[in-house]
Amino acid sequence: MCTVIGNAVSYYNFAILSRLLIKYEVSEKAETLSIITQTHQRLSDTSI
């Protein structure tokens, strides 16, 4: 059961970060985009 909950949390974290990434790529806010990208990479490294 914990694995299912963990997978759901990971999915929603990635979904939120992906939407933020798209939003800030379009608006060209480099500093915010950099922070989101770094966070996304850190989550990717720890999820697997």
Protein backbone atom coordinates (compact mmCIF):
# COMPACT_ATOMS: atom_id res chain seq x y z
CA MET A 1 0.00 0.00 0.00
CA CYS A 2 2.84 2.40 0.82
CA THR A 3 4.34 1.83 -2.64
CA VAL A 4 1.07 2.87 -4.28
CA ILE A 5 0.89 6.04 -2.21
CA GLY A 6 4.55 6.80 -2.89
CA ASN A 7 4.04 6.34 -6.62
CA ALA A 8 1.00 8.63 -6.54
CA VAL A 9 2.94 11.34 -4.71
CA SER A 10 5.84 11.04 -7.17
CA TYR A 11 3.45 11.23 -10.13
CA TYR A 12 1.78 14.40 -8.88
CA ASN A 13 5.13 16.01 -8.01
CA PHE A 14 6.37 15.36 -11.55
CA ALA A 15 3.07 16.55 -13.03
CA ILE A 16 3.21 19.82 -11.09
CA LEU A 17 6.88 20.40 -11.91
CA SER A 18 6.29 19.65 -15.59
CA ARG A 19 3.50 22.23 -15.77
CA LEU A 20 5.65 24.80 -13.99
CA LEU A 21 8.51 24.02 -16.35
CA ILE A 22 6.31 24.66 -19.39
CA LYS A 23 4.89 27.85 -17.85
CA TYR A 24 8.28 29.35 -17.11
CA GLU A 25 9.85 28.22 -20.40
CA VAL A 26 7.17 30.24 -22.19
CA SER A 27 7.64 33.28 -19.94
CA GLU A 28 11.45 33.04 -20.22
CA LYS A 29 12.11 33.54 -16.51
CA ALA A 30 15.59 32.02 -16.44
CA GLU A 31 16.20 31.99 -12.69
CA THR A 32 12.89 30.32 -11.86
CA LEU A 33 13.31 27.90 -14.74
CA SER A 34 16.74 26.92 -13.42
CA ILE A 35 15.36 26.21 -9.93
CA ILE A 36 12.51 24.09 -11.32
CA THR A 37 14.88 22.15 -13.57
CA GLN A 38 17.27 21.44 -10.68
CA THR A 39 14.42 20.28 -8.46
CA HIS A 40 13.05 18.04 -11.20
CA GLN A 41 16.49 16.46 -11.73
CA ARG A 42 16.94 15.84 -8.00
CA LEU A 43 13.56 14.15 -7.78
CA SER A 44 14.35 12.04 -10.84
CA ASP A 45 17.59 10.86 -9.27
CA THR A 46 15.96 9.85 -5.97
CA SER A 47 12.78 8.27 -7.36
CA ILE A 48 14.41 5.33 -9.06
